[in-house]
Amino acid sequence: MNERNIAIARLVVDIAKKTGCTPSQVALAWLRTRPGSIVPILGARRLSQLRDNLNSLDITLPEEHLRKLDEASRIDLGFPHNFLTGPIGRDRLLGGLYSRMAEHREP
């Protein structure tokens, strides 16, 4: 585990304490809010774990907690994404037109 993963796990545990849920319920409830088709695989060994996981369907996390989880788990795409989406990269992709368009924008 790296520091980023440990920080995410600590945040999940903190939110679980604040909401009165278990960490697995917080994680599963958060996953349900993610865009796209996400199908978590429940890794329950005991019936009690399965019930705990299924109880996450009754949980709605507050927006503040969802935002914190989104921020903590955000992946930095790095190069070349950061370059291509920045002003220099866009200008290069558009053959110098991006900076010319920016000059002519109205305030």
N, C-alpha and C. Protein backbone atom coordinates (compact mmCIF):
# COMPACT_ATOMS: atom_id res chain seq x y z
N MET A 1 0.83 -1.18 0.00
CA MET A 1 0.00 0.00 0.00
C MET A 1 0.87 1.24 0.00
N ASN A 2 0.46 2.24 -0.76
CA ASN A 2 1.20 3.49 -0.75
C ASN A 2 0.49 4.53 0.09
N GLU A 3 1.11 5.68 0.27
CA GLU A 3 0.55 6.73 1.13
C GLU A 3 -0.82 7.20 0.65
N ARG A 4 -0.99 7.30 -0.65
CA ARG A 4 -2.28 7.74 -1.21
C ARG A 4 -3.39 6.77 -0.82
N ASN A 5 -3.15 5.49 -0.98
CA ASN A 5 -4.16 4.48 -0.64
C ASN A 5 -4.47 4.48 0.86
N ILE A 6 -3.44 4.68 1.68
CA ILE A 6 -3.65 4.73 3.13
C ILE A 6 -4.50 5.95 3.49
N ALA A 7 -4.24 7.08 2.84
CA ALA A 7 -5.02 8.30 3.10
C ALA A 7 -6.49 8.10 2.71
N ILE A 8 -6.73 7.42 1.59
CA ILE A 8 -8.10 7.14 1.16
C ILE A 8 -8.79 6.23 2.17
N ALA A 9 -8.09 5.19 2.62
CA ALA A 9 -8.66 4.26 3.60
C ALA A 9 -8.98 4.97 4.91
N ARG A 10 -8.10 5.87 5.33
CA ARG A 10 -8.35 6.63 6.57
C ARG A 10 -9.59 7.51 6.41
N LEU A 11 -9.73 8.12 5.25
CA LEU A 11 -10.90 8.96 4.99
C LEU A 11 -12.18 8.14 5.03
N VAL A 12 -12.16 6.96 4.43
CA VAL A 12 -13.33 6.08 4.44
C VAL A 12 -13.70 5.70 5.88
N VAL A 13 -12.71 5.37 6.69
CA VAL A 13 -12.96 5.02 8.09
C VAL A 13 -13.51 6.23 8.85
N ASP A 14 -12.96 7.41 8.59
CA ASP A 14 -13.44 8.63 9.25
C ASP A 14 -14.90 8.91 8.90
N ILE A 15 -15.23 8.79 7.62
CA ILE A 15 -16.62 9.01 7.19
C ILE A 15 -17.54 7.95 7.78
N ALA A 16 -17.06 6.73 7.86
CA ALA A 16 -17.86 5.65 8.46
C ALA A 16 -18.20 5.98 9.91
N LYS A 17 -17.23 6.48 10.66
CA LYS A 17 -17.48 6.84 12.06
C LYS A 17 -18.49 7.98 12.15
N LYS A 18 -18.37 8.96 11.27
CA LYS A 18 -19.26 10.12 11.30
C LYS A 18 -20.69 9.77 10.89
N THR A 19 -20.84 8.78 10.03
CA THR A 19 -22.17 8.44 9.53
C THR A 19 -22.80 7.24 10.24
N GLY A 20 -22.04 6.58 11.09
CA GLY A 20 -22.56 5.40 11.79
C GLY A 20 -22.63 4.17 10.90
N CYS A 21 -21.84 4.15 9.86
CA CYS A 21 -21.80 3.02 8.93
C CYS A 21 -20.48 2.29 9.08
N THR A 22 -20.36 1.17 8.40
CA THR A 22 -19.08 0.48 8.36
C THR A 22 -18.29 1.01 7.16
N PRO A 23 -16.97 0.87 7.19
CA PRO A 23 -16.17 1.33 6.05
C PRO A 23 -16.58 0.68 4.72
N SER A 24 -16.93 -0.60 4.76
CA SER A 24 -17.34 -1.25 3.51
C SER A 24 -18.65 -0.65 2.99
N GLN A 25 -19.55 -0.29 3.89
CA GLN A 25 -20.81 0.34 3.46
C GLN A 25 -20.53 1.71 2.83
N VAL A 26 -19.61 2.47 3.43
CA VAL A 26 -19.26 3.78 2.87
C VAL A 26 -18.67 3.60 1.47
N ALA A 27 -17.73 2.67 1.33
CA ALA A 27 -17.09 2.46 0.04
C ALA A 27 -18.12 2.04 -1.02
N LEU A 28 -18.99 1.13 -0.68
CA LEU A 28 -19.99 0.66 -1.65
C LEU A 28 -21.02 1.74 -1.97
N ALA A 29 -21.43 2.51 -0.96
CA ALA A 29 -22.38 3.60 -1.19
C ALA A 29 -21.76 4.66 -2.09
N TRP A 30 -20.47 4.94 -1.90
CA TRP A 30 -19.77 5.91 -2.75
C TRP A 30 -19.69 5.39 -4.18
N LEU A 31 -19.35 4.12 -4.35
CA LEU A 31 -19.24 3.54 -5.69
C LEU A 31 -20.55 3.65 -6.47
N ARG A 32 -21.67 3.53 -5.77
CA ARG A 32 -22.97 3.63 -6.46
C ARG A 32 -23.20 5.01 -7.05
N THR A 33 -22.52 6.04 -6.53
CA THR A 33 -22.72 7.39 -7.04
C THR A 33 -21.82 7.71 -8.23
N ARG A 34 -20.88 6.85 -8.54
CA ARG A 34 -19.92 7.11 -9.61
C ARG A 34 -20.60 6.97 -10.96
N PRO A 35 -20.20 7.82 -11.91
CA PRO A 35 -20.79 7.72 -13.25
C PRO A 35 -20.34 6.45 -13.97
N GLY A 36 -21.14 6.02 -14.90
CA GLY A 36 -20.80 4.83 -15.67
C GLY A 36 -21.37 3.58 -15.03
N SER A 37 -20.99 2.47 -15.57
CA SER A 37 -21.48 1.18 -15.08
C SER A 37 -20.42 0.55 -14.19
N ILE A 38 -20.61 0.69 -12.90
CA ILE A 38 -19.68 0.10 -11.95
C ILE A 38 -20.41 -1.01 -11.21
N VAL A 39 -19.84 -2.19 -11.25
CA VAL A 39 -20.44 -3.34 -10.56
C VAL A 39 -19.41 -3.86 -9.56
N PRO A 40 -19.55 -3.45 -8.30
CA PRO A 40 -18.58 -3.92 -7.31
C PRO A 40 -18.76 -5.41 -7.05
N ILE A 41 -17.66 -6.06 -6.82
CA ILE A 41 -17.69 -7.49 -6.49
C ILE A 41 -17.60 -7.60 -4.97
N LEU A 42 -18.63 -8.17 -4.38
CA LEU A 42 -18.66 -8.31 -2.93
C LEU A 42 -17.80 -9.50 -2.53
N GLY A 43 -16.84 -9.26 -1.64
CA GLY A 43 -15.92 -10.31 -1.23
C GLY A 43 -16.25 -10.85 0.14
N ALA A 44 -17.50 -11.17 0.38
CA ALA A 44 -17.92 -11.63 1.70
C ALA A 44 -17.58 -13.11 1.89
N ARG A 45 -17.02 -13.40 3.05
CA ARG A 45 -16.76 -14.80 3.41
C ARG A 45 -17.85 -15.35 4.33
N ARG A 46 -18.48 -14.43 5.04
CA ARG A 46 -19.51 -14.85 5.99
C ARG A 46 -20.82 -14.16 5.64
N LEU A 47 -21.91 -14.74 6.08
CA LEU A 47 -23.23 -14.17 5.84
C LEU A 47 -23.33 -12.77 6.43
N SER A 48 -22.72 -12.56 7.59
CA SER A 48 -22.77 -11.24 8.24
C SER A 48 -22.10 -10.17 7.37
N GLN A 49 -21.02 -10.54 6.68
CA GLN A 49 -20.34 -9.60 5.79
C GLN A 49 -21.21 -9.29 4.57
N LEU A 50 -21.87 -10.29 4.05
CA LEU A 50 -22.76 -10.08 2.91
C LEU A 50 -23.91 -9.15 3.30
N ARG A 51 -24.49 -9.38 4.47
CA ARG A 51 -25.58 -8.52 4.95
C ARG A 51 -25.08 -7.08 5.13
N ASP A 52 -23.90 -6.94 5.70
CA ASP A 52 -23.31 -5.62 5.90
C ASP A 52 -23.14 -4.90 4.56
N ASN A 53 -22.62 -5.61 3.59
CA ASN A 53 -22.43 -5.02 2.26
C ASN A 53 -23.76 -4.65 1.61
N LEU A 54 -24.75 -5.52 1.72
CA LEU A 54 -26.05 -5.23 1.12
C LEU A 54 -26.76 -4.07 1.81
N ASN A 55 -26.47 -3.84 3.08
CA ASN A 55 -27.05 -2.70 3.79
C ASN A 55 -26.56 -1.37 3.24
N SER A 56 -25.50 -1.39 2.46
CA SER A 56 -25.01 -0.15 1.84
C SER A 56 -26.03 0.40 0.85
N LEU A 57 -26.96 -0.44 0.39
CA LEU A 57 -28.00 0.02 -0.54
C LEU A 57 -28.96 1.00 0.13
N ASP A 58 -29.02 0.99 1.46
CA ASP A 58 -29.91 1.88 2.20
C ASP A 58 -29.22 3.17 2.63
N ILE A 59 -27.97 3.36 2.21
CA ILE A 59 -27.19 4.51 2.66
C ILE A 59 -27.06 5.53 1.54
N THR A 60 -27.29 6.78 1.89
CA THR A 60 -27.03 7.90 0.97
C THR A 60 -26.04 8.82 1.68
N LEU A 61 -24.87 8.91 1.12
CA LEU A 61 -23.84 9.74 1.74
C LEU A 61 -24.08 11.21 1.43
N PRO A 62 -23.83 12.10 2.39
CA PRO A 62 -23.97 13.54 2.15
C PRO A 62 -22.99 14.01 1.06
N GLU A 63 -23.37 15.06 0.36
CA GLU A 63 -22.55 15.61 -0.73
C GLU A 63 -21.13 15.92 -0.27
N GLU A 64 -21.00 16.44 0.94
CA GLU A 64 -19.68 16.79 1.46
C GLU A 64 -18.76 15.57 1.51
N HIS A 65 -19.30 14.44 1.97
CA HIS A 65 -18.51 13.22 2.05
C HIS A 65 -18.18 12.69 0.65
N LEU A 66 -19.14 12.76 -0.25
CA LEU A 66 -18.89 12.31 -1.63
C LEU A 66 -17.79 13.15 -2.27
N ARG A 67 -17.84 14.46 -2.03
CA ARG A 67 -16.83 15.35 -2.60
C ARG A 67 -15.45 15.01 -2.06
N LYS A 68 -15.36 14.76 -0.75
CA LYS A 68 -14.07 14.42 -0.14
C LYS A 68 -13.52 13.10 -0.71
N LEU A 69 -14.40 12.12 -0.88
CA LEU A 69 -13.96 10.84 -1.44
C LEU A 69 -13.52 11.01 -2.90
N ASP A 70 -14.26 11.82 -3.66
CA ASP A 70 -13.89 12.08 -5.05
C ASP A 70 -12.51 12.74 -5.12
N GLU A 71 -12.29 13.74 -4.28
CA GLU A 71 -11.01 14.46 -4.29
C GLU A 71 -9.86 13.56 -3.88
N ALA A 72 -10.07 12.76 -2.84
CA ALA A 72 -9.00 11.89 -2.34
C ALA A 72 -8.63 10.81 -3.35
N SER A 73 -9.59 10.36 -4.14
CA SER A 73 -9.33 9.25 -5.06
C SER A 73 -9.04 9.71 -6.49
N ARG A 74 -9.07 11.02 -6.72
CA ARG A 74 -8.81 11.54 -8.06
C ARG A 74 -7.42 11.11 -8.54
N ILE A 75 -7.34 10.69 -9.77
CA ILE A 75 -6.09 10.22 -10.34
C ILE A 75 -5.49 11.33 -11.19
N ASP A 76 -4.22 11.64 -10.95
CA ASP A 76 -3.52 12.61 -11.77
C ASP A 76 -3.10 11.90 -13.06
N LEU A 77 -3.62 12.35 -14.18
CA LEU A 77 -3.36 11.68 -15.45
C LEU A 77 -1.95 11.94 -15.97
N GLY A 78 -1.32 13.01 -15.49
CA GLY A 78 0.08 13.26 -15.84
C GLY A 78 0.28 13.57 -17.31
N PHE A 79 1.51 13.39 -17.75
CA PHE A 79 1.87 13.65 -19.14
C PHE A 79 1.40 12.50 -20.00
N PRO A 80 0.87 12.71 -21.16
CA PRO A 80 0.74 13.95 -21.92
C PRO A 80 -0.58 14.69 -21.66
N HIS A 81 -1.48 14.11 -20.85
CA HIS A 81 -2.79 14.72 -20.63
C HIS A 81 -2.67 16.16 -20.12
N ASN A 82 -1.86 16.36 -19.07
CA ASN A 82 -1.73 17.69 -18.51
C ASN A 82 -1.19 18.69 -19.53
N PHE A 83 -0.26 18.26 -20.34
CA PHE A 83 0.29 19.14 -21.37
C PHE A 83 -0.75 19.46 -22.44
N LEU A 84 -1.45 18.43 -22.91
CA LEU A 84 -2.40 18.62 -24.00
C LEU A 84 -3.62 19.44 -23.61
N THR A 85 -3.99 19.42 -22.34
CA THR A 85 -5.16 20.18 -21.90
C THR A 85 -4.78 21.57 -21.39
N GLY A 86 -3.50 21.84 -21.28
CA GLY A 86 -3.04 23.17 -20.87
C GLY A 86 -3.02 24.11 -22.06
N PRO A 87 -2.81 25.41 -21.81
CA PRO A 87 -2.85 26.39 -22.89
C PRO A 87 -1.81 26.16 -23.98
N ILE A 88 -0.62 25.75 -23.63
CA ILE A 88 0.42 25.52 -24.65
C ILE A 88 0.05 24.32 -25.52
N GLY A 89 -0.39 23.24 -24.89
CA GLY A 89 -0.78 22.05 -25.66
C GLY A 89 -1.96 22.32 -26.57
N ARG A 90 -2.98 23.02 -26.06
CA ARG A 90 -4.14 23.36 -26.91
C ARG A 90 -3.72 24.24 -28.06
N ASP A 91 -2.82 25.18 -27.78
CA ASP A 91 -2.35 26.08 -28.84
C ASP A 91 -1.62 25.29 -29.93
N ARG A 92 -0.80 24.33 -29.51
CA ARG A 92 -0.07 23.50 -30.49
C ARG A 92 -1.03 22.62 -31.30
N LEU A 93 -2.02 22.05 -30.61
CA LEU A 93 -2.99 21.19 -31.30
C LEU A 93 -3.82 21.96 -32.31
N LEU A 94 -4.08 23.23 -32.01
CA LEU A 94 -4.92 24.05 -32.90
C LEU A 94 -4.08 24.93 -33.84
N GLY A 95 -2.81 24.61 -33.97
CA GLY A 95 -1.95 25.33 -34.91
C GLY A 95 -1.81 26.81 -34.57
N GLY A 96 -1.80 27.15 -33.28
CA GLY A 96 -1.63 28.52 -32.85
C GLY A 96 -2.93 29.30 -32.75
N LEU A 97 -4.05 28.68 -33.09
CA LEU A 97 -5.33 29.39 -33.06
C LEU A 97 -5.86 29.61 -31.65
N TYR A 98 -5.50 28.76 -30.71
CA TYR A 98 -6.05 28.89 -29.36
C TYR A 98 -5.65 30.22 -28.74
N SER A 99 -4.37 30.58 -28.82
CA SER A 99 -3.93 31.84 -28.23
C SER A 99 -4.52 33.03 -28.97
N ARG A 100 -4.71 32.90 -30.29
CA ARG A 100 -5.32 33.99 -31.05
C ARG A 100 -6.80 34.15 -30.69
N MET A 101 -7.49 33.04 -30.44
CA MET A 101 -8.88 33.11 -30.03
C MET A 101 -8.99 33.74 -28.64
N ALA A 102 -8.06 33.41 -27.75
CA ALA A 102 -8.08 33.95 -26.40
C ALA A 102 -7.86 35.46 -26.42
N GLU A 103 -7.06 35.95 -27.36
CA GLU A 103 -6.82 37.39 -27.47
C GLU A 103 -8.07 38.16 -27.86
N HIS A 104 -8.96 37.51 -28.60
CA HIS A 104 -10.13 38.19 -29.14
C HIS A 104 -11.40 37.96 -28.32
N ARG A 105 -11.28 37.31 -27.17
CA ARG A 105 -12.45 37.11 -26.32
C ARG A 105 -12.86 38.41 -25.67
N GLU A 106 -14.16 38.57 -25.53
CA GLU A 106 -14.66 39.76 -24.84
C GLU A 106 -14.64 39.50 -23.34
N PRO A 107 -14.34 40.51 -22.54
CA PRO A 107 -14.28 40.34 -21.07
C PRO A 107 -15.62 40.07 -20.46
